[in-house]
Amino acid sequence: MAGGEAKRRWIVGVTDHMMGPPALEAEVLRDVADIDFFDTRKEEELDPERLARLDALLVWATPLTRRSIPHLARCRGVVRFGVGYDKIDVAALTEAGIPFANNPDYGTEEVADHALALILSLQRRLWEHDSRARTYTTSWQNNTLTPLLRGSEATVGVVGVGRIGTAVVNRLKSFGYRILGYDPHQPPGHEKAVGYRRVRRLDELLAESDIVTFHCPANAETRGLLDAERLARFKPGAILVNTARGELLAGYDALEAALRSGHIAAAGLDVLPTEPPRPHPLLDAWRTREEWLAGRLVITPHNAFHSDAAGVEMRRNAAETVRLLLEDGVLRNRIPE
């Protein structure tokens, strides 16, 4: 290089991390960039002077809004480790000329497996059996639960048939379920290639399905989708599974009413509107194992995406997205595309 000047190394910021220090990311970027680890989930703790030095930024749970974005004077792109980006002000980034990308290429198998586990266990009423069997003392095998559908006679509706929804469909087929799919964003013929019956309207899917599993993003069209009016359109006695986004649920009141009435037989939720959840009578009943809800509400703490392998895949993919941006000027998975 002329004058013997060394090429400046890029600086990549990492706001926070759920898996310890960003050592894996540093390894992926070691030849081209240094890591600046902020180690905070509070946007107000992001140092403006450090933000101004960044060539790229990786974000996990820290919000990124107009409070911080103006300080990203040198930033070529922001990449979120995860899929959802509700806490990222994409419009403000666009105004600042900073492209944004999420990271959808990890955890597909894990979320699909998690959804299927919820579907199978709730359809077979395993959690309810487990809860009630604790009280049986003078009888045992004759304590069956009804109604209990045979899998090959049940219909599963898949709302959102993208990467994860398709993986769910592929798993469902081996169990003999009849499968419906609703996704207006998939091209004609997608249902033939994957193997499900496409329905044109969501309400049609809800009315026909014994089990409904959600795999769609949270956006203006889907936030609050599962309100009282929509839950009333479910087939009586249906099972609801949501491993997508908690914001699809319009609070807990309507779901509690539907579960109490039996209109919704059971629900399996990996995601909630607010995490950790705030107190609510439905969640209180779940926590204390109230008799009326026994085994009918299963909640996991937003970890459907996780396995040891998926955690590594998530981090490596995000870091490689940044490296591709810095070296080649290409930002994959850009939002909006």
Protein backbone atom coordinates (compact mmCIF):
# COMPACT_ATOMS: atom_id res chain seq x y z
CA MET A 1 0.00 0.00 0.00
CA ALA A 2 1.27 3.48 -0.90
CA GLY A 3 3.18 5.19 1.87
CA GLY A 4 3.32 1.97 3.81
CA GLU A 5 -0.04 2.73 5.39
CA ALA A 6 -1.86 -0.27 6.78
CA LYS A 7 -5.43 -0.77 5.72
CA ARG A 8 -7.81 0.32 8.46
CA ARG A 9 -9.66 -2.52 10.14
CA TRP A 10 -13.39 -2.19 10.32
CA ILE A 11 -15.15 -1.94 13.66
CA VAL A 12 -18.26 -4.03 14.27
CA GLY A 13 -20.44 -3.29 17.28
CA VAL A 14 -22.41 -5.91 19.20
CA THR A 15 -25.07 -4.38 21.44
CA ASP A 16 -25.77 -7.43 23.60
CA HIS A 17 -25.75 -11.21 23.51
CA MET A 18 -27.76 -14.05 25.00
CA MET A 19 -24.83 -16.47 24.89
CA GLY A 20 -21.96 -14.71 26.60
CA PRO A 21 -19.22 -12.61 24.98
CA PRO A 22 -19.16 -12.46 21.14
CA ALA A 23 -16.11 -14.70 20.75
CA LEU A 24 -17.56 -16.67 17.83
CA GLU A 25 -18.40 -13.46 15.99
CA ALA A 26 -14.88 -12.20 16.58
CA GLU A 27 -13.53 -15.43 15.10
CA VAL A 28 -15.64 -15.06 11.93
CA LEU A 29 -14.54 -11.43 11.52
CA ARG A 30 -10.97 -11.74 12.78
CA ASP A 31 -9.30 -11.04 9.43
CA VAL A 32 -11.29 -7.90 8.70
CA ALA A 33 -12.75 -6.30 11.81
CA ASP A 34 -12.49 -5.69 15.52
CA ILE A 35 -15.46 -6.19 17.84
CA ASP A 36 -16.78 -3.45 20.14
CA PHE A 37 -19.04 -5.19 22.68
CA PHE A 38 -21.48 -2.80 24.36
CA ASP A 39 -22.95 -5.55 26.56
CA THR A 40 -26.25 -3.82 27.30
CA ARG A 41 -29.92 -4.28 26.48
CA LYS A 42 -30.73 -0.65 27.31
CA GLU A 43 -30.55 1.71 24.37
CA GLU A 44 -29.84 4.67 26.64
CA GLU A 45 -26.57 2.99 27.65
CA LEU A 46 -25.20 2.90 24.09
CA ASP A 47 -22.30 5.37 24.02
CA PRO A 48 -22.76 7.85 21.11
CA GLU A 49 -19.00 8.20 20.58
CA ARG A 50 -18.59 4.43 20.24
CA LEU A 51 -21.59 4.23 17.92
CA ALA A 52 -20.02 6.87 15.67
CA ARG A 53 -16.95 4.65 15.13
CA LEU A 54 -18.88 1.60 13.92
CA ASP A 55 -18.81 0.28 10.37
CA ALA A 56 -21.56 -2.25 11.15
CA LEU A 57 -23.73 -3.18 14.11
CA LEU A 58 -25.06 -6.53 15.34
CA VAL A 59 -28.14 -6.36 17.58
CA TRP A 60 -29.83 -8.96 19.77
CA ALA A 61 -32.42 -7.61 22.25
CA THR A 62 -31.43 -3.94 22.51
CA PRO A 63 -33.94 -1.52 20.93
CA LEU A 64 -32.57 0.67 18.17
CA THR A 65 -34.55 3.87 17.60
CA ARG A 66 -34.11 7.53 16.65
CA ARG A 67 -32.35 7.97 19.96
CA SER A 68 -29.28 6.08 18.72
CA ILE A 69 -29.53 5.84 14.95
CA PRO A 70 -28.34 9.44 14.24
CA HIS A 71 -25.03 8.57 15.94
CA LEU A 72 -24.32 5.73 13.47
CA ALA A 73 -22.54 8.15 11.15
CA ARG A 74 -20.21 5.60 9.57
CA CYS A 75 -22.38 2.51 9.78
CA ARG A 76 -22.79 0.52 6.55
CA GLY A 77 -25.49 -1.75 7.91
CA VAL A 78 -27.32 -3.12 10.94
CA VAL A 79 -27.95 -6.85 11.31
CA ARG A 80 -30.15 -8.48 13.92
CA PHE A 81 -29.12 -11.87 15.26
CA GLY A 82 -32.75 -13.04 15.26
CA VAL A 83 -35.69 -13.11 12.87
CA GLY A 84 -38.08 -10.58 14.41
CA TYR A 85 -37.22 -6.89 14.42
CA ASP A 86 -40.04 -5.23 16.34
CA LYS A 87 -37.60 -3.18 18.43
CA ILE A 88 -35.74 -1.86 15.39
CA ASP A 89 -36.92 1.40 13.81
CA VAL A 90 -36.37 0.36 10.22
CA ALA A 91 -37.91 3.59 8.91
CA ALA A 92 -35.37 5.66 10.86
CA LEU A 93 -32.51 3.51 9.56
CA THR A 94 -33.79 3.97 6.01
CA GLU A 95 -33.95 7.74 6.47
CA ALA A 96 -30.36 7.65 7.71
CA GLY A 97 -29.29 5.63 4.66
CA ILE A 98 -28.38 2.58 6.74
CA PRO A 99 -29.59 -0.77 5.38
CA PHE A 100 -31.01 -3.34 7.81
CA ALA A 101 -31.17 -7.14 7.68
CA ASN A 102 -32.55 -9.83 9.92
CA ASN A 103 -31.28 -13.40 10.22
CA PRO A 104 -33.94 -15.93 9.16
CA ASP A 105 -31.56 -18.73 8.15
CA TYR A 106 -31.27 -20.57 11.46
CA GLY A 107 -33.43 -22.59 13.83
CA THR A 108 -35.89 -23.71 11.15
CA GLU A 109 -35.65 -27.34 12.23
CA GLU A 110 -35.90 -26.46 15.91
CA VAL A 111 -39.02 -24.30 15.60
CA ALA A 112 -40.69 -26.87 13.34
CA ASP A 113 -39.87 -29.67 15.79
CA HIS A 114 -41.12 -27.57 18.72
CA ALA A 115 -44.39 -26.78 16.96
CA LEU A 116 -44.89 -30.42 16.06
CA ALA A 117 -44.16 -31.48 19.65
CA LEU A 118 -46.86 -29.09 20.86
CA ILE A 119 -49.30 -30.29 18.20
CA LEU A 120 -48.80 -33.97 18.97
CA SER A 121 -48.79 -33.60 22.75
CA LEU A 122 -51.91 -31.43 22.82
CA GLN A 123 -53.77 -33.49 20.24
CA ARG A 124 -53.01 -36.64 22.27
CA ARG A 125 -53.83 -34.67 25.48
CA LEU A 126 -50.57 -35.81 27.07
CA TRP A 127 -50.23 -32.82 29.39
CA GLU A 128 -53.80 -33.28 30.61
CA HIS A 129 -53.20 -36.99 31.18
CA ASP A 130 -50.06 -36.16 33.14
CA SER A 131 -51.87 -33.61 35.30
CA ARG A 132 -54.89 -35.79 36.06
CA ALA A 133 -52.96 -39.04 36.52
CA ARG A 134 -51.35 -37.55 39.65
CA THR A 135 -54.72 -37.88 41.40
CA TYR A 136 -55.61 -41.46 40.36
CA THR A 137 -55.32 -43.89 43.27
CA THR A 138 -57.98 -46.60 42.88
CA SER A 139 -58.18 -46.79 39.08
CA TRP A 140 -55.72 -46.32 36.23
CA GLN A 141 -56.06 -47.41 32.60
CA ASN A 142 -59.77 -46.72 32.40
CA ASN A 143 -59.14 -43.00 32.93
CA THR A 144 -59.32 -42.09 29.26
CA LEU A 145 -60.00 -38.60 27.92
CA THR A 146 -62.59 -37.78 25.29
CA PRO A 147 -62.86 -36.40 22.69
CA LEU A 148 -59.49 -37.54 21.42
CA LEU A 149 -59.01 -37.43 17.66
CA ARG A 150 -57.01 -39.95 15.68
CA GLY A 151 -54.20 -38.08 13.92
CA SER A 152 -55.11 -39.33 10.47
CA GLU A 153 -58.65 -38.01 10.98
CA ALA A 154 -57.54 -34.56 12.16
CA THR A 155 -56.98 -31.44 10.07
CA VAL A 156 -54.05 -29.12 10.80
CA GLY A 157 -54.12 -25.58 9.49
CA VAL A 158 -50.73 -23.94 8.93
CA VAL A 159 -50.84 -20.13 8.90
CA GLY A 160 -47.70 -18.94 7.12
CA VAL A 161 -46.02 -21.46 4.83
CA GLY A 162 -42.55 -19.96 4.49
CA ARG A 163 -39.35 -21.61 5.67
CA ILE A 164 -40.65 -22.80 9.02
CA GLY A 165 -44.22 -23.41 7.92
CA THR A 166 -42.96 -25.59 5.08
CA ALA A 167 -40.77 -27.54 7.51
CA VAL A 168 -43.85 -28.08 9.70
CA VAL A 169 -45.89 -29.31 6.72
CA ASN A 170 -43.15 -31.78 5.81
CA ARG A 171 -43.19 -33.17 9.35
CA LEU A 172 -46.98 -33.32 9.57
CA LYS A 173 -47.26 -35.38 6.41
CA SER A 174 -45.54 -38.38 7.98
CA PHE A 175 -48.21 -38.51 10.71
CA GLY A 176 -51.08 -38.66 8.24
CA TYR A 177 -52.73 -35.35 9.08
CA ARG A 178 -54.86 -33.55 6.53
CA ILE A 179 -53.02 -30.26 6.03
CA LEU A 180 -54.39 -26.87 5.03
CA GLY A 181 -52.18 -23.86 4.38
CA TYR A 182 -52.85 -20.14 4.30
CA ASP A 183 -50.18 -17.79 3.01
CA PRO A 184 -51.06 -15.13 0.40
CA HIS A 185 -47.35 -14.39 -0.07
CA GLN A 186 -46.47 -17.81 -1.51
CA PRO A 187 -46.56 -18.19 -5.31
CA PRO A 188 -49.19 -20.25 -7.12
CA GLY A 189 -48.25 -23.93 -7.10
CA HIS A 190 -46.31 -23.72 -3.83
CA GLU A 191 -48.92 -25.97 -2.24
CA LYS A 192 -48.35 -28.60 -4.93
CA ALA A 193 -44.59 -28.54 -4.51
CA VAL A 194 -44.77 -28.78 -0.72
CA GLY A 195 -47.88 -30.90 -0.25
CA TYR A 196 -50.83 -29.14 1.39
CA ARG A 197 -54.23 -27.79 0.34
CA ARG A 198 -54.17 -24.02 -0.06
CA VAL A 199 -57.09 -21.99 1.23
CA ARG A 200 -57.74 -18.45 0.05
CA ARG A 201 -59.09 -17.03 3.29
CA LEU A 202 -57.84 -17.42 6.84
CA ASP A 203 -61.34 -17.83 8.23
CA GLU A 204 -61.87 -20.83 5.95
CA LEU A 205 -58.78 -22.47 7.44
CA LEU A 206 -59.92 -21.71 11.00
CA ALA A 207 -63.38 -23.15 10.44
CA GLU A 208 -62.03 -26.45 9.07
CA SER A 209 -58.98 -27.07 11.26
CA ASP A 210 -58.86 -29.17 14.42
CA ILE A 211 -55.41 -27.73 15.11
CA VAL A 212 -54.06 -24.36 13.94
CA THR A 213 -50.35 -23.56 14.06
CA PHE A 214 -49.01 -20.07 13.36
CA HIS A 215 -45.77 -19.33 11.48
CA CYS A 216 -46.22 -15.76 10.27
CA PRO A 217 -44.34 -12.55 11.14
CA ALA A 218 -45.67 -9.75 13.32
CA ASN A 219 -46.61 -6.83 11.11
CA ALA A 220 -49.45 -4.38 10.59
CA GLU A 221 -51.56 -7.18 9.11
CA THR A 222 -51.04 -9.75 11.86
CA ARG A 223 -50.57 -7.87 15.15
CA GLY A 224 -53.56 -8.54 17.37
CA LEU A 225 -54.84 -11.11 14.88
CA LEU A 226 -55.94 -13.48 17.63
CA ASP A 227 -58.63 -11.37 19.26
CA ALA A 228 -62.07 -12.43 20.50
CA GLU A 229 -63.66 -12.10 17.08
CA ARG A 230 -61.00 -14.23 15.40
CA LEU A 231 -60.93 -16.88 18.14
CA ALA A 232 -64.69 -17.25 17.74
CA ARG A 233 -64.09 -18.32 14.13
CA PHE A 234 -61.99 -21.31 15.18
CA LYS A 235 -63.65 -24.69 14.86
CA PRO A 236 -65.23 -25.55 18.26
CA GLY A 237 -62.79 -27.62 20.29
CA ALA A 238 -59.76 -26.62 18.20
CA ILE A 239 -56.17 -26.49 19.43
CA LEU A 240 -54.11 -23.32 18.96
CA VAL A 241 -50.31 -23.41 18.64
CA ASN A 242 -48.15 -20.30 18.29
CA THR A 243 -44.38 -20.50 17.93
CA ALA A 244 -44.23 -17.39 15.72
CA ARG A 245 -44.68 -13.99 17.40
CA GLY A 246 -46.38 -13.15 20.68
CA GLU A 247 -47.88 -9.99 19.17
CA LEU A 248 -50.32 -12.14 17.19
CA LEU A 249 -52.24 -12.58 20.44
CA ALA A 250 -54.41 -9.58 21.32
CA GLY A 251 -53.92 -9.97 25.06
CA TYR A 252 -55.11 -12.84 27.26
CA ASP A 253 -58.76 -12.00 27.99
CA ALA A 254 -60.17 -13.49 24.81
CA LEU A 255 -57.98 -16.60 25.02
CA GLU A 256 -58.99 -17.15 28.65
CA ALA A 257 -62.67 -16.88 27.72
CA ALA A 258 -62.24 -19.29 24.81
CA LEU A 259 -60.42 -21.82 26.99
CA ARG A 260 -62.96 -21.54 29.83
CA SER A 261 -65.86 -22.10 27.44
CA GLY A 262 -64.09 -24.99 25.72
CA HIS A 263 -64.34 -23.31 22.33
CA ILE A 264 -60.55 -23.57 22.30
CA ALA A 265 -59.69 -27.00 23.70
CA ALA A 266 -56.03 -26.24 24.34
CA ALA A 267 -53.24 -23.84 23.47
CA GLY A 268 -49.48 -24.24 23.14
CA LEU A 269 -47.55 -20.96 23.23
CA ASP A 270 -43.83 -20.41 22.88
CA VAL A 271 -44.27 -16.66 22.47
CA LEU A 272 -46.26 -14.12 24.49
CA PRO A 273 -47.31 -10.49 23.89
CA THR A 274 -44.94 -9.31 26.65
CA GLU A 275 -41.94 -11.32 27.86
CA PRO A 276 -41.58 -12.03 30.73
CA PRO A 277 -45.38 -11.93 31.00
CA ARG A 278 -47.18 -9.54 33.29
CA PRO A 279 -49.73 -10.93 35.78
CA HIS A 280 -53.07 -12.02 34.34
CA PRO A 281 -55.77 -14.41 35.63
CA LEU A 282 -55.09 -16.86 32.80
CA LEU A 283 -51.39 -16.99 33.60
CA ASP A 284 -52.15 -17.22 37.31
CA ALA A 285 -54.33 -20.26 36.60
CA TRP A 286 -51.55 -21.78 34.52
CA ARG A 287 -48.93 -21.17 37.21
CA THR A 288 -51.02 -22.67 39.99
CA ARG A 289 -52.29 -25.60 37.88
CA GLU A 290 -55.95 -24.72 38.40
CA GLU A 291 -58.22 -27.68 37.73
CA TRP A 292 -60.17 -26.13 34.87
CA LEU A 293 -56.96 -25.48 32.89
CA ALA A 294 -55.11 -28.68 33.78
CA GLY A 295 -52.87 -29.64 30.86
CA ARG A 296 -54.75 -27.40 28.43
CA LEU A 297 -52.30 -24.49 28.33
CA VAL A 298 -48.64 -25.22 27.64
CA ILE A 299 -46.19 -22.31 27.70
CA THR A 300 -42.48 -22.44 26.86
CA PRO A 301 -40.20 -19.39 27.33
CA HIS A 302 -39.61 -18.33 23.70
CA ASN A 303 -36.97 -20.98 23.12
CA ALA A 304 -38.47 -22.95 20.23
CA PHE A 305 -35.62 -21.68 18.05
CA HIS A 306 -32.91 -23.02 20.31
CA SER A 307 -30.58 -25.96 20.23
CA ASP A 308 -26.84 -25.92 20.76
CA ALA A 309 -26.37 -26.20 17.00
CA ALA A 310 -28.94 -23.49 16.23
CA GLY A 311 -27.25 -21.09 18.63
CA VAL A 312 -23.95 -21.48 16.80
CA GLU A 313 -25.69 -21.27 13.42
CA MET A 314 -27.47 -18.06 14.40
CA ARG A 315 -24.29 -16.33 15.53
CA ARG A 316 -22.18 -17.49 12.61
CA ASN A 317 -24.81 -16.55 10.02
CA ALA A 318 -25.19 -13.04 11.47
CA ALA A 319 -21.44 -12.47 11.60
CA GLU A 320 -21.00 -13.78 8.07
CA THR A 321 -23.76 -11.44 6.89
CA VAL A 322 -21.75 -8.53 8.29
CA ARG A 323 -18.53 -9.81 6.73
CA LEU A 324 -20.17 -10.12 3.32
CA LEU A 325 -21.45 -6.55 3.67
CA LEU A 326 -18.06 -5.12 4.62
CA GLU A 327 -16.01 -7.03 2.05
CA ASP A 328 -18.39 -7.19 -0.92
CA GLY A 329 -21.00 -4.52 -0.21
CA VAL A 330 -23.80 -7.11 -0.32
CA LEU A 331 -26.39 -7.28 2.46
CA ARG A 332 -28.32 -10.53 2.35
CA ASN A 333 -31.78 -10.82 3.95
CA ARG A 334 -32.23 -7.06 3.66
CA ILE A 335 -35.44 -5.60 5.08
CA PRO A 336 -37.36 -4.29 3.21
CA GLU A 337 -36.26 -6.13 0.11
